[in-house]
Amino acid sequence: MNILETVVEPPEIVEVEANIETVACDGGGGVLGHPVVYLTFSQKDFVDCYYCGRRFVRIQKMQHPTDD
């Protein structure tokens, strides 16, 4: 088997609201997860968990032209 035949699942992407500054990640899966870590965006639009690779992305809600 060569390296190109190996299938690797991409990390999960979790969308959070744009005003969130810190997220908590436990890897999901209960006891199969990892210790809880708190990740800060630090003026970026995304942050990756250094245990499981989960990516947390801040999203801007699109405003409809008639919304004021």
C-alpha atoms as a PDB file:
ATOM      1  CA  MET A   1       0.000   0.000   0.000  1.00  0.00           C
ATOM      2  CA  ASN A   2       1.433   3.354  -0.919  1.00  0.00           C
ATOM      3  CA  ILE A   3       0.841   6.702   0.771  1.00  0.00           C
ATOM      4  CA  LEU A   4      -1.615   7.849  -1.918  1.00  0.00           C
ATOM      5  CA  GLU A   5      -3.963   4.966  -1.107  1.00  0.00           C
ATOM      6  CA  THR A   6      -4.305   6.031   2.519  1.00  0.00           C
ATOM      7  CA  VAL A   7      -7.504   7.957   3.177  1.00  0.00           C
ATOM      8  CA  VAL A   8      -7.334  10.535   5.938  1.00  0.00           C
ATOM      9  CA  GLU A   9     -10.489  12.170   7.194  1.00  0.00           C
ATOM     10  CA  PRO A  10     -10.244  15.973   7.270  1.00  0.00           C
ATOM     11  CA  PRO A  11     -10.628  17.564  10.695  1.00  0.00           C
ATOM     12  CA  GLU A  12     -14.082  18.676  11.756  1.00  0.00           C
ATOM     13  CA  ILE A  13     -14.980  22.333  11.145  1.00  0.00           C
ATOM     14  CA  VAL A  14     -17.115  23.973  13.830  1.00  0.00           C
ATOM     15  CA  GLU A  15     -18.753  27.312  13.031  1.00  0.00           C
ATOM     16  CA  VAL A  16     -19.234  29.797  15.871  1.00  0.00           C
ATOM     17  CA  GLU A  17     -20.686  33.291  15.986  1.00  0.00           C
ATOM     18  CA  ALA A  18     -18.437  36.195  15.043  1.00  0.00           C
ATOM     19  CA  ASN A  19     -18.496  37.733  18.532  1.00  0.00           C
ATOM     20  CA  ILE A  20     -17.062  34.628  20.254  1.00  0.00           C
ATOM     21  CA  GLU A  21     -13.500  35.137  21.544  1.00  0.00           C
ATOM     22  CA  THR A  22     -12.799  31.769  23.230  1.00  0.00           C
ATOM     23  CA  VAL A  23     -14.001  28.220  22.530  1.00  0.00           C
ATOM     24  CA  ALA A  24     -13.626  24.990  24.481  1.00  0.00           C
ATOM     25  CA  CYS A  25     -12.714  21.698  22.812  1.00  0.00           C
ATOM     26  CA  ASP A  26     -12.816  18.228  24.373  1.00  0.00           C
ATOM     27  CA  GLY A  27     -12.406  16.268  21.158  1.00  0.00           C
ATOM     28  CA  GLY A  28     -15.983  14.994  21.309  1.00  0.00           C
ATOM     29  CA  GLY A  29     -16.780  11.353  21.808  1.00  0.00           C
ATOM     30  CA  GLY A  30     -16.932  11.446  25.612  1.00  0.00           C
ATOM     31  CA  VAL A  31     -14.160   9.280  27.076  1.00  0.00           C
ATOM     32  CA  LEU A  32     -12.643   8.909  23.605  1.00  0.00           C
ATOM     33  CA  GLY A  33     -11.984  12.651  23.439  1.00  0.00           C
ATOM     34  CA  HIS A  34      -9.145  14.608  25.042  1.00  0.00           C
ATOM     35  CA  PRO A  35      -8.744  16.952  28.031  1.00  0.00           C
ATOM     36  CA  VAL A  36     -10.738  20.173  27.711  1.00  0.00           C
ATOM     37  CA  VAL A  37      -8.680  22.999  26.232  1.00  0.00           C
ATOM     38  CA  TYR A  38      -9.695  26.612  25.768  1.00  0.00           C
ATOM     39  CA  LEU A  39      -8.676  28.231  22.495  1.00  0.00           C
ATOM     40  CA  THR A  40      -8.637  31.995  21.855  1.00  0.00           C
ATOM     41  CA  PHE A  41      -9.095  33.495  18.410  1.00  0.00           C
ATOM     42  CA  SER A  42      -6.604  36.359  19.026  1.00  0.00           C
ATOM     43  CA  GLN A  43      -7.922  38.541  16.183  1.00  0.00           C
ATOM     44  CA  LYS A  44      -8.037  35.610  13.729  1.00  0.00           C
ATOM     45  CA  ASP A  45     -11.146  34.174  12.109  1.00  0.00           C
ATOM     46  CA  PHE A  46     -10.239  30.575  12.964  1.00  0.00           C
ATOM     47  CA  VAL A  47      -8.350  28.548  15.555  1.00  0.00           C
ATOM     48  CA  ASP A  48      -7.288  24.873  15.464  1.00  0.00           C
ATOM     49  CA  CYS A  49      -7.291  22.487  18.416  1.00  0.00           C
ATOM     50  CA  TYR A  50      -3.767  21.236  18.978  1.00  0.00           C
ATOM     51  CA  TYR A  51      -5.048  17.862  20.260  1.00  0.00           C
ATOM     52  CA  CYS A  52      -7.583  16.759  17.651  1.00  0.00           C
ATOM     53  CA  GLY A  53      -7.230  19.232  14.776  1.00  0.00           C
ATOM     54  CA  ARG A  54     -10.810  20.483  15.001  1.00  0.00           C
ATOM     55  CA  ARG A  55     -11.052  23.907  13.376  1.00  0.00           C
ATOM     56  CA  PHE A  56     -13.289  26.549  14.943  1.00  0.00           C
ATOM     57  CA  VAL A  57     -14.315  29.259  12.462  1.00  0.00           C
ATOM     58  CA  ARG A  58     -15.997  32.553  13.310  1.00  0.00           C
ATOM     59  CA  ILE A  59     -18.750  33.304  10.801  1.00  0.00           C
ATOM     60  CA  GLN A  60     -20.422  36.576   9.955  1.00  0.00           C
ATOM     61  CA  LYS A  61     -24.161  36.298   9.528  1.00  0.00           C
ATOM     62  CA  MET A  62     -25.256  37.628   6.177  1.00  0.00           C
ATOM     63  CA  GLN A  63     -27.669  40.489   6.590  1.00  0.00           C
ATOM     64  CA  HIS A  64     -30.608  40.591   4.208  1.00  0.00           C
ATOM     65  CA  PRO A  65     -30.868  43.963   2.380  1.00  0.00           C
ATOM     66  CA  THR A  66     -34.287  44.574   3.961  1.00  0.00           C
ATOM     67  CA  ASP A  67     -32.988  43.898   7.513  1.00  0.00           C
ATOM     68  CA  ASP A  68     -32.238  47.058   9.463  1.00  0.00           C
END
